PDB file of N, CA and C in Angstrom:
ATOM      1  N   UNK A   1       2.246  -0.356  -3.792  1.00  0.00           N
ATOM      2  CA  UNK A   1       3.567  -0.100  -4.320  1.00  0.00           C
ATOM      3  C   UNK A   1       4.354   0.677  -3.264  1.00  0.00           C
ATOM      4  N   UNK A   2       5.606   0.286  -3.071  1.00  0.00           N
ATOM      5  CA  UNK A   2       6.452   0.935  -2.074  1.00  0.00           C
ATOM      6  C   UNK A   2       7.736   1.450  -2.698  1.00  0.00           C
ATOM      7  N   UNK A   3       8.233   2.535  -2.103  1.00  0.00           N
ATOM      8  CA  UNK A   3       9.541   3.065  -2.462  1.00  0.00           C
ATOM      9  C   UNK A   3      10.274   3.324  -1.153  1.00  0.00           C
ATOM     10  N   UNK A   4      11.471   2.756  -1.031  1.00  0.00           N
ATOM     11  CA  UNK A   4      12.266   2.954   0.177  1.00  0.00           C
ATOM     12  C   UNK A   4      13.544   3.679  -0.221  1.00  0.00           C
ATOM     13  N   UNK A   5      13.773   4.813   0.437  1.00  0.00           N
ATOM     14  CA  UNK A   5      14.950   5.622   0.154  1.00  0.00           C
ATOM     15  C   UNK A   5      15.792   5.741   1.417  1.00  0.00           C
ATOM     16  N   UNK A   6      17.090   5.469   1.270  1.00  0.00           N
ATOM     17  CA  UNK A   6      17.985   5.526   2.424  1.00  0.00           C
ATOM     18  C   UNK A   6      19.026   6.610   2.213  1.00  0.00           C
ATOM     19  N   UNK A   7      19.311   7.326   3.306  1.00  0.00           N
ATOM     20  CA  UNK A   7      20.342   8.351   3.318  1.00  0.00           C
ATOM     21  C   UNK A   7      21.145   8.130   4.580  1.00  0.00           C
ATOM     22  N   UNK A   8      22.455   8.052   4.445  1.00  0.00           N
ATOM     23  CA  UNK A   8      23.313   7.737   5.572  1.00  0.00           C
ATOM     24  C   UNK A   8      23.112   8.691   6.749  1.00  0.00           C
ATOM     25  N   UNK A   9      22.957   9.977   6.478  1.00  0.00           N
ATOM     26  CA  UNK A   9      22.822  10.970   7.547  1.00  0.00           C
ATOM     27  C   UNK A   9      21.377  11.221   7.978  1.00  0.00           C
ATOM     28  N   UNK A  10      20.444  11.150   7.040  1.00  0.00           N
ATOM     29  CA  UNK A  10      19.054  11.514   7.344  1.00  0.00           C
ATOM     30  C   UNK A  10      18.152  10.324   7.639  1.00  0.00           C
ATOM     31  N   UNK A  11      18.650   9.115   7.469  1.00  0.00           N
ATOM     32  CA  UNK A  11      17.848   7.940   7.786  1.00  0.00           C
ATOM     33  C   UNK A  11      17.116   7.371   6.583  1.00  0.00           C
ATOM     34  N   UNK A  12      15.979   6.726   6.859  1.00  0.00           N
ATOM     35  CA  UNK A  12      15.209   6.024   5.837  1.00  0.00           C
ATOM     36  C   UNK A  12      13.836   6.645   5.675  1.00  0.00           C
ATOM     37  N   UNK A  13      13.432   6.790   4.425  1.00  0.00           N
ATOM     38  CA  UNK A  13      12.070   7.231   4.103  1.00  0.00           C
ATOM     39  C   UNK A  13      11.391   6.098   3.351  1.00  0.00           C
ATOM     40  N   UNK A  14      10.200   5.740   3.811  1.00  0.00           N
ATOM     41  CA  UNK A  14       9.431   4.696   3.138  1.00  0.00           C
ATOM     42  C   UNK A  14       8.110   5.305   2.684  1.00  0.00           C
ATOM     43  N   UNK A  15       7.843   5.214   1.393  1.00  0.00           N
ATOM     44  CA  UNK A  15       6.612   5.727   0.807  1.00  0.00           C
ATOM     45  C   UNK A  15       5.796   4.542   0.318  1.00  0.00           C
ATOM     46  N   UNK A  16       4.538   4.464   0.754  1.00  0.00           N
ATOM     47  CA  UNK A  16       3.661   3.378   0.327  1.00  0.00           C
ATOM     48  C   UNK A  16       2.440   3.989  -0.351  1.00  0.00           C
ATOM     49  N   UNK A  17       2.268   3.662  -1.615  1.00  0.00           N
ATOM     50  CA  UNK A  17       1.136   4.164  -2.401  1.00  0.00           C
ATOM     51  C   UNK A  17      -0.047   3.240  -2.183  1.00  0.00           C
ATOM     52  N   UNK A  18      -1.105   3.772  -1.580  1.00  0.00           N
ATOM     53  CA  UNK A  18      -2.326   3.014  -1.322  1.00  0.00           C
ATOM     54  C   UNK A  18      -3.410   3.489  -2.276  1.00  0.00           C
ATOM     55  N   UNK A  19      -4.644   3.067  -2.070  1.00  0.00           N
ATOM     56  CA  UNK A  19      -5.731   3.428  -2.985  1.00  0.00           C
ATOM     57  C   UNK A  19      -5.949   4.927  -3.097  1.00  0.00           C
ATOM     58  N   UNK A  20      -6.001   5.629  -1.969  1.00  0.00           N
ATOM     59  CA  UNK A  20      -6.338   7.050  -2.002  1.00  0.00           C
ATOM     60  C   UNK A  20      -5.374   7.928  -1.215  1.00  0.00           C
ATOM     61  N   UNK A  21      -4.195   7.387  -0.857  1.00  0.00           N
ATOM     62  CA  UNK A  21      -3.218   8.161  -0.095  1.00  0.00           C
ATOM     63  C   UNK A  21      -1.817   7.583  -0.277  1.00  0.00           C
ATOM     64  N   UNK A  22      -0.850   8.398   0.120  1.00  0.00           N
ATOM     65  CA  UNK A  22       0.525   7.931   0.211  1.00  0.00           C
ATOM     66  C   UNK A  22       0.865   7.936   1.694  1.00  0.00           C
ATOM     67  N   UNK A  23       1.252   6.777   2.208  1.00  0.00           N
ATOM     68  CA  UNK A  23       1.656   6.675   3.608  1.00  0.00           C
ATOM     69  C   UNK A  23       3.171   6.819   3.662  1.00  0.00           C
ATOM     70  N   UNK A  24       3.641   7.702   4.547  1.00  0.00           N
ATOM     71  CA  UNK A  24       5.069   8.004   4.653  1.00  0.00           C
ATOM     72  C   UNK A  24       5.554   7.623   6.036  1.00  0.00           C
ATOM     73  N   UNK A  25       6.662   6.883   6.080  1.00  0.00           N
ATOM     74  CA  UNK A  25       7.327   6.542   7.340  1.00  0.00           C
ATOM     75  C   UNK A  25       8.758   7.051   7.250  1.00  0.00           C
ATOM     76  N   UNK A  26       9.130   7.905   8.189  1.00  0.00           N
ATOM     77  CA  UNK A  26      10.476   8.456   8.216  1.00  0.00           C
ATOM     78  C   UNK A  26      11.155   7.974   9.486  1.00  0.00           C
ATOM     79  N   UNK A  27      12.296   7.331   9.312  1.00  0.00           N
ATOM     80  CA  UNK A  27      13.074   6.844  10.450  1.00  0.00           C
ATOM     81  C   UNK A  27      14.439   7.509  10.411  1.00  0.00           C
ATOM     82  N   UNK A  28      14.618   8.500  11.268  1.00  0.00           N
ATOM     83  CA  UNK A  28      15.886   9.217  11.388  1.00  0.00           C
ATOM     84  C   UNK A  28      16.638   8.651  12.588  1.00  0.00           C
ATOM     85  N   UNK A  29      17.921   8.988  12.734  1.00  0.00           N
ATOM     86  CA  UNK A  29      18.692   8.411  13.836  1.00  0.00           C
ATOM     87  C   UNK A  29      18.060   8.561  15.223  1.00  0.00           C
ATOM     88  N   UNK A  30      17.428   9.676  15.526  1.00  0.00           N
ATOM     89  CA  UNK A  30      16.894   9.878  16.869  1.00  0.00           C
ATOM     90  C   UNK A  30      15.390  10.085  16.934  1.00  0.00           C
ATOM     91  N   UNK A  31      14.703   9.909  15.812  1.00  0.00           N
ATOM     92  CA  UNK A  31      13.250  10.059  15.827  1.00  0.00           C
ATOM     93  C   UNK A  31      12.639   9.315  14.649  1.00  0.00           C
ATOM     94  N   UNK A  32      11.354   9.072  14.754  1.00  0.00           N
ATOM     95  CA  UNK A  32      10.618   8.486  13.638  1.00  0.00           C
ATOM     96  C   UNK A  32       9.260   9.160  13.546  1.00  0.00           C
ATOM     97  N   UNK A  33       8.725   9.184  12.345  1.00  0.00           N
ATOM     98  CA  UNK A  33       7.462   9.871  12.110  1.00  0.00           C
ATOM     99  C   UNK A  33       6.695   9.106  11.050  1.00  0.00           C
ATOM    100  N   UNK A  34       5.369   9.104  11.177  1.00  0.00           N
ATOM    101  CA  UNK A  34       4.503   8.462  10.196  1.00  0.00           C
ATOM    102  C   UNK A  34       3.363   9.415   9.866  1.00  0.00           C
ATOM    103  N   UNK A  35       3.073   9.559   8.591  1.00  0.00           N
ATOM    104  CA  UNK A  35       1.967  10.432   8.176  1.00  0.00           C
ATOM    105  C   UNK A  35       1.379   9.902   6.889  1.00  0.00           C
ATOM    106  N   UNK A  36       0.216  10.414   6.534  1.00  0.00           N
ATOM    107  CA  UNK A  36      -0.397  10.037   5.267  1.00  0.00           C
ATOM    108  C   UNK A  36      -0.838  11.297   4.535  1.00  0.00           C
ATOM    109  N   UNK A  37      -0.717  11.255   3.228  1.00  0.00           N
ATOM    110  CA  UNK A  37      -1.067  12.390   2.372  1.00  0.00           C
ATOM    111  C   UNK A  37      -2.147  11.929   1.402  1.00  0.00           C
ATOM    112  N   UNK A  38      -3.338  12.540   1.453  1.00  0.00           N
ATOM    113  CA  UNK A  38      -4.407  12.167   0.515  1.00  0.00           C
ATOM    114  C   UNK A  38      -4.023  12.522  -0.923  1.00  0.00           C
ATOM    115  N   UNK A  39      -4.218  11.603  -1.826  1.00  0.00           N
ATOM    116  CA  UNK A  39      -3.858  11.828  -3.226  1.00  0.00           C
ATOM    117  C   UNK A  39      -4.697  12.921  -3.880  1.00  0.00           C
ATOM    118  N   UNK A  40      -5.925  13.104  -3.423  1.00  0.00           N
ATOM    119  CA  UNK A  40      -6.825  14.086  -4.046  1.00  0.00           C
ATOM    120  C   UNK A  40      -6.309  15.519  -3.913  1.00  0.00           C
ATOM    121  N   UNK A  41      -5.437  15.795  -2.941  1.00  0.00           N
ATOM    122  CA  UNK A  41      -4.950  17.166  -2.764  1.00  0.00           C
ATOM    123  C   UNK A  41      -3.583  17.407  -3.392  1.00  0.00           C
ATOM    124  N   UNK A  42      -2.960  16.352  -3.940  1.00  0.00           N
ATOM    125  CA  UNK A  42      -1.634  16.497  -4.549  1.00  0.00           C
ATOM    126  C   UNK A  42      -1.730  17.037  -5.969  1.00  0.00           C
ATOM    127  N   UNK A  43      -0.861  17.980  -6.285  1.00  0.00           N
ATOM    128  CA  UNK A  43      -0.695  18.406  -7.669  1.00  0.00           C
ATOM    129  C   UNK A  43       0.062  17.283  -8.371  1.00  0.00           C
ATOM    130  N   UNK A  44      -0.481  16.727  -9.464  1.00  0.00           N
ATOM    131  CA  UNK A  44       0.165  15.583 -10.107  1.00  0.00           C
ATOM    132  C   UNK A  44       1.438  15.942 -10.877  1.00  0.00           C
ATOM    133  N   UNK A  45       1.792  17.222 -10.937  1.00  0.00           N
ATOM    134  CA  UNK A  45       3.017  17.634 -11.624  1.00  0.00           C
ATOM    135  C   UNK A  45       4.056  18.070 -10.594  1.00  0.00           C
ATOM    136  N   UNK A  46       4.990  17.191 -10.259  1.00  0.00           N
ATOM    137  CA  UNK A  46       5.997  17.516  -9.256  1.00  0.00           C
ATOM    138  C   UNK A  46       7.036  18.504  -9.779  1.00  0.00           C
ATOM    139  N   UNK A  47       7.794  19.077  -8.846  1.00  0.00           N
ATOM    140  CA  UNK A  47       8.858  20.023  -9.186  1.00  0.00           C
ATOM    141  C   UNK A  47      10.182  19.490  -8.653  1.00  0.00           C
ATOM    142  N   UNK A  48      11.244  19.738  -9.401  1.00  0.00           N
ATOM    143  CA  UNK A  48      12.577  19.340  -8.954  1.00  0.00           C
ATOM    144  C   UNK A  48      13.250  20.552  -8.337  1.00  0.00           C
ATOM    145  N   UNK A  49      13.804  20.349  -7.141  1.00  0.00           N
ATOM    146  CA  UNK A  49      14.561  21.397  -6.447  1.00  0.00           C
ATOM    147  C   UNK A  49      15.816  20.744  -5.882  1.00  0.00           C
ATOM    148  N   UNK A  50      16.952  21.087  -6.456  1.00  0.00           N
ATOM    149  CA  UNK A  50      18.198  20.478  -6.002  1.00  0.00           C
ATOM    150  C   UNK A  50      18.207  18.991  -6.277  1.00  0.00           C
ATOM    151  N   UNK A  51      18.412  18.207  -5.239  1.00  0.00           N
ATOM    152  CA  UNK A  51      18.484  16.754  -5.396  1.00  0.00           C
ATOM    153  C   UNK A  51      17.191  16.059  -4.981  1.00  0.00           C
ATOM    154  N   UNK A  52      16.079  16.840  -4.927  1.00  0.00           N
ATOM    155  CA  UNK A  52      14.801  16.255  -4.524  1.00  0.00           C
ATOM    156  C   UNK A  52      13.697  16.595  -5.514  1.00  0.00           C
ATOM    157  N   UNK A  53      12.707  15.733  -5.545  1.00  0.00           N
ATOM    158  CA  UNK A  53      11.492  15.955  -6.324  1.00  0.00           C
ATOM    159  C   UNK A  53      10.371  16.178  -5.326  1.00  0.00           C
ATOM    160  N   UNK A  54       9.625  17.279  -5.502  1.00  0.00           N
ATOM    161  CA  UNK A  54       8.579  17.649  -4.549  1.00  0.00           C
ATOM    162  C   UNK A  54       7.199  17.577  -5.191  1.00  0.00           C
ATOM    163  N   UNK A  55       6.270  16.937  -4.502  1.00  0.00           N
ATOM    164  CA  UNK A  55       4.852  17.006  -4.848  1.00  0.00           C
ATOM    165  C   UNK A  55       4.227  18.032  -3.912  1.00  0.00           C
ATOM    166  N   UNK A  56       3.690  19.089  -4.486  1.00  0.00           N
ATOM    167  CA  UNK A  56       3.025  20.134  -3.712  1.00  0.00           C
ATOM    168  C   UNK A  56       1.523  19.851  -3.647  1.00  0.00           C
ATOM    169  N   UNK A  57       0.845  20.595  -2.791  1.00  0.00           N
ATOM    170  CA  UNK A  57      -0.612  20.527  -2.798  1.00  0.00           C
ATOM    171  C   UNK A  57      -1.099  21.333  -3.998  1.00  0.00           C
ATOM    172  N   UNK A  58      -2.353  21.211  -4.313  1.00  0.00           N
ATOM    173  CA  UNK A  58      -2.908  21.954  -5.442  1.00  0.00           C
ATOM    174  C   UNK A  58      -2.976  23.455  -5.183  1.00  0.00           C
ATOM    175  N   UNK A  59      -2.809  23.877  -3.928  1.00  0.00           N
ATOM    176  CA  UNK A  59      -2.837  25.307  -3.606  1.00  0.00           C
ATOM    177  C   UNK A  59      -1.442  25.858  -3.309  1.00  0.00           C
ATOM    178  N   UNK A  60      -0.395  25.099  -3.607  1.00  0.00           N
ATOM    179  CA  UNK A  60       1.003  25.538  -3.505  1.00  0.00           C
ATOM    180  C   UNK A  60       1.414  26.025  -2.128  1.00  0.00           C
ATOM    181  N   UNK A  61       1.022  25.330  -1.099  1.00  0.00           N
ATOM    182  CA  UNK A  61       1.410  25.737   0.247  1.00  0.00           C
ATOM    183  C   UNK A  61       2.773  25.177   0.653  1.00  0.00           C
ATOM    184  N   UNK A  62       3.407  24.449  -0.185  1.00  0.00           N
ATOM    185  CA  UNK A  62       4.696  23.839   0.126  1.00  0.00           C
ATOM    186  C   UNK A  62       4.652  22.368  -0.212  1.00  0.00           C
ATOM    187  N   UNK A  63       5.814  21.726  -0.239  1.00  0.00           N
ATOM    188  CA  UNK A  63       5.840  20.306  -0.602  1.00  0.00           C
ATOM    189  C   UNK A  63       5.173  19.426   0.449  1.00  0.00           C
ATOM    190  N   UNK A  64       4.334  18.519  -0.016  1.00  0.00           N
ATOM    191  CA  UNK A  64       3.710  17.536   0.866  1.00  0.00           C
ATOM    192  C   UNK A  64       4.488  16.230   0.848  1.00  0.00           C
ATOM    193  N   UNK A  65       5.120  15.928  -0.281  1.00  0.00           N
ATOM    194  CA  UNK A  65       5.980  14.761  -0.412  1.00  0.00           C
ATOM    195  C   UNK A  65       7.295  15.208  -1.029  1.00  0.00           C
ATOM    196  N   UNK A  66       8.391  14.785  -0.458  1.00  0.00           N
ATOM    197  CA  UNK A  66       9.713  15.074  -1.009  1.00  0.00           C
ATOM    198  C   UNK A  66      10.471  13.766  -1.154  1.00  0.00           C
ATOM    199  N   UNK A  67      10.925  13.516  -2.374  1.00  0.00           N
ATOM    200  CA  UNK A  67      11.641  12.277  -2.685  1.00  0.00           C
ATOM    201  C   UNK A  67      13.060  12.610  -3.141  1.00  0.00           C
ATOM    202  N   UNK A  68      14.031  11.818  -2.702  1.00  0.00           N
ATOM    203  CA  UNK A  68      15.392  11.952  -3.224  1.00  0.00           C
ATOM    204  C   UNK A  68      15.380  11.481  -4.666  1.00  0.00           C
ATOM    205  N   UNK A  69      15.960  12.256  -5.564  1.00  0.00           N
ATOM    206  CA  UNK A  69      15.958  11.899  -6.979  1.00  0.00           C
ATOM    207  C   UNK A  69      16.658  10.564  -7.228  1.00  0.00           C
ATOM    208  N   UNK A  70      15.993   9.717  -7.981  1.00  0.00           N
ATOM    209  CA  UNK A  70      16.531   8.453  -8.480  1.00  0.00           C
ATOM    210  C   UNK A  70      17.040   7.491  -7.399  1.00  0.00           C
ATOM    211  N   UNK A  71      16.445   7.546  -6.214  1.00  0.00           N
ATOM    212  CA  UNK A  71      16.821   6.588  -5.167  1.00  0.00           C
ATOM    213  C   UNK A  71      15.652   5.660  -4.918  1.00  0.00           C
ATOM    214  N   UNK A  72      15.799   4.389  -4.767  1.00  0.00           N
ATOM    215  CA  UNK A  72      17.046   3.645  -4.694  1.00  0.00           C
ATOM    216  C   UNK A  72      17.716   3.455  -6.053  1.00  0.00           C
ATOM    217  N   UNK A  73      16.941   3.522  -7.134  1.00  0.00           N
ATOM    218  CA  UNK A  73      17.502   3.507  -8.487  1.00  0.00           C
ATOM    219  C   UNK A  73      16.507   4.196  -9.409  1.00  0.00           C
ATOM    220  N   UNK A  74      16.964   4.555 -10.591  1.00  0.00           N
ATOM    221  CA  UNK A  74      16.134   5.348 -11.507  1.00  0.00           C
ATOM    222  C   UNK A  74      14.854   4.632 -11.916  1.00  0.00           C
ATOM    223  N   UNK A  75      14.935   3.343 -12.175  1.00  0.00           N
ATOM    224  CA  UNK A  75      13.767   2.585 -12.636  1.00  0.00           C
ATOM    225  C   UNK A  75      12.671   2.539 -11.575  1.00  0.00           C
ATOM    226  N   UNK A  76      13.018   2.163 -10.343  1.00  0.00           N
ATOM    227  CA  UNK A  76      12.030   2.109  -9.257  1.00  0.00           C
ATOM    228  C   UNK A  76      11.481   3.499  -8.946  1.00  0.00           C
ATOM    229  N   UNK A  77      12.369   4.486  -8.937  1.00  0.00           N
ATOM    230  CA  UNK A  77      11.960   5.857  -8.657  1.00  0.00           C
ATOM    231  C   UNK A  77      10.939   6.345  -9.684  1.00  0.00           C
ATOM    232  N   UNK A  78      11.256   6.191 -10.966  1.00  0.00           N
ATOM    233  CA  UNK A  78      10.351   6.657 -12.025  1.00  0.00           C
ATOM    234  C   UNK A  78       9.021   5.921 -12.009  1.00  0.00           C
ATOM    235  N   UNK A  79       9.038   4.623 -11.747  1.00  0.00           N
ATOM    236  CA  UNK A  79       7.790   3.858 -11.686  1.00  0.00           C
ATOM    237  C   UNK A  79       6.912   4.366 -10.546  1.00  0.00           C
ATOM    238  N   UNK A  80       7.510   4.641  -9.392  1.00  0.00           N
ATOM    239  CA  UNK A  80       6.741   5.132  -8.251  1.00  0.00           C
ATOM    240  C   UNK A  80       6.180   6.527  -8.532  1.00  0.00           C
ATOM    241  N   UNK A  81       7.013   7.416  -9.061  1.00  0.00           N
ATOM    242  CA  UNK A  81       6.562   8.790  -9.361  1.00  0.00           C
ATOM    243  C   UNK A  81       5.434   8.768 -10.385  1.00  0.00           C
ATOM    244  N   UNK A  82       5.570   7.961 -11.433  1.00  0.00           N
ATOM    245  CA  UNK A  82       4.513   7.868 -12.450  1.00  0.00           C
ATOM    246  C   UNK A  82       3.211   7.352 -11.837  1.00  0.00           C
ATOM    247  N   UNK A  83       3.305   6.381 -10.942  1.00  0.00           N
ATOM    248  CA  UNK A  83       2.111   5.836 -10.291  1.00  0.00           C
ATOM    249  C   UNK A  83       1.447   6.890  -9.396  1.00  0.00           C
ATOM    250  N   UNK A  84       2.241   7.663  -8.664  1.00  0.00           N
ATOM    251  CA  UNK A  84       1.683   8.722  -7.813  1.00  0.00           C
ATOM    252  C   UNK A  84       1.001   9.778  -8.676  1.00  0.00           C
ATOM    253  N   UNK A  85       1.647  10.195  -9.767  1.00  0.00           N
ATOM    254  CA  UNK A  85       1.061  11.198 -10.655  1.00  0.00           C
ATOM    255  C   UNK A  85      -0.284  10.723 -11.201  1.00  0.00           C
ATOM    256  N   UNK A  86      -0.325   9.485 -11.667  1.00  0.00           N
ATOM    257  CA  UNK A  86      -1.555   8.921 -12.244  1.00  0.00           C
ATOM    258  C   UNK A  86      -2.675   8.830 -11.199  1.00  0.00           C
ATOM    259  N   UNK A  87      -2.338   8.306 -10.015  1.00  0.00           N
ATOM    260  CA  UNK A  87      -3.363   8.155  -8.975  1.00  0.00           C
ATOM    261  C   UNK A  87      -3.816   9.508  -8.425  1.00  0.00           C
ATOM    262  N   UNK A  88      -2.900  10.480  -8.319  1.00  0.00           N
ATOM    263  CA  UNK A  88      -3.271  11.809  -7.824  1.00  0.00           C
ATOM    264  C   UNK A  88      -4.276  12.463  -8.769  1.00  0.00           C
ATOM    265  N   UNK A  89      -4.036  12.349 -10.059  1.00  0.00           N
ATOM    266  CA  UNK A  89      -4.957  12.915 -11.046  1.00  0.00           C
ATOM    267  C   UNK A  89      -6.309  12.207 -10.992  1.00  0.00           C
ATOM    268  N   UNK A  90      -6.282  10.893 -10.900  1.00  0.00           N
ATOM    269  CA  UNK A  90      -7.520  10.115 -10.836  1.00  0.00           C
ATOM    270  C   UNK A  90      -8.319  10.457  -9.578  1.00  0.00           C
ATOM    271  N   UNK A  91      -7.663  10.515  -8.425  1.00  0.00           N
ATOM    272  CA  UNK A  91      -8.356  10.824  -7.168  1.00  0.00           C
ATOM    273  C   UNK A  91      -8.942  12.231  -7.180  1.00  0.00           C
ATOM    274  N   UNK A  92      -8.226  13.200  -7.760  1.00  0.00           N
ATOM    275  CA  UNK A  92      -8.770  14.549  -7.842  1.00  0.00           C
ATOM    276  C   UNK A  92      -9.998  14.575  -8.737  1.00  0.00           C
ATOM    277  N   UNK A  93      -9.948  13.863  -9.858  1.00  0.00           N
ATOM    278  CA  UNK A  93     -11.106  13.828 -10.763  1.00  0.00           C
ATOM    279  C   UNK A  93     -12.316  13.207 -10.097  1.00  0.00           C
ATOM    280  N   UNK A  94     -12.103  12.176  -9.305  1.00  0.00           N
ATOM    281  CA  UNK A  94     -13.212  11.553  -8.560  1.00  0.00           C
ATOM    282  C   UNK A  94     -13.754  12.557  -7.534  1.00  0.00           C
ATOM    283  N   UNK A  95     -12.860  13.216  -6.807  1.00  0.00           N
ATOM    284  CA  UNK A  95     -13.244  14.204  -5.800  1.00  0.00           C
ATOM    285  C   UNK A  95     -14.036  15.356  -6.437  1.00  0.00           C
ATOM    286  N   UNK A  96     -13.592  15.805  -7.612  1.00  0.00           N
ATOM    287  CA  UNK A  96     -14.228  16.945  -8.270  1.00  0.00           C
ATOM    288  C   UNK A  96     -15.470  16.546  -9.068  1.00  0.00           C
ATOM    289  N   UNK A  97     -15.785  15.259  -9.111  1.00  0.00           N
ATOM    290  CA  UNK A  97     -16.975  14.800  -9.839  1.00  0.00           C
ATOM    291  C   UNK A  97     -16.782  14.739 -11.336  1.00  0.00           C
ATOM    292  N   UNK A  98     -15.537  14.689 -11.790  1.00  0.00           N
ATOM    293  CA  UNK A  98     -15.256  14.649 -13.238  1.00  0.00           C
ATOM    294  C   UNK A  98     -15.072  13.222 -13.734  1.00  0.00           C
ATOM    295  N   UNK A  99     -15.255  12.246 -12.855  1.00  0.00           N
ATOM    296  CA  UNK A  99     -15.118  10.853 -13.294  1.00  0.00           C
ATOM    297  C   UNK A  99     -16.252  10.022 -12.774  1.00  0.00           C
TER     298      UNK A  99
END
């Protein structure tokens, strides 16, 4: 599952939900970056701050994933967030031996 968010000034963010991680590709006007975030370390309950939704690590060291609220549209955004929440909880339970 993919979510692509575009911002005229900040560029494009592409989030791809894989089996055990979220792969992030950021393409800004003068740079690009790619990283992956393991689902097992994500807190499945995101926080809203301003116009963004943040997924923090389970130890609250800061946001690991930041999404623009309701971009590209509310339906796609909510489906992606719900899928990340579900997979993050599942991966943590597998990691902790609870599943």
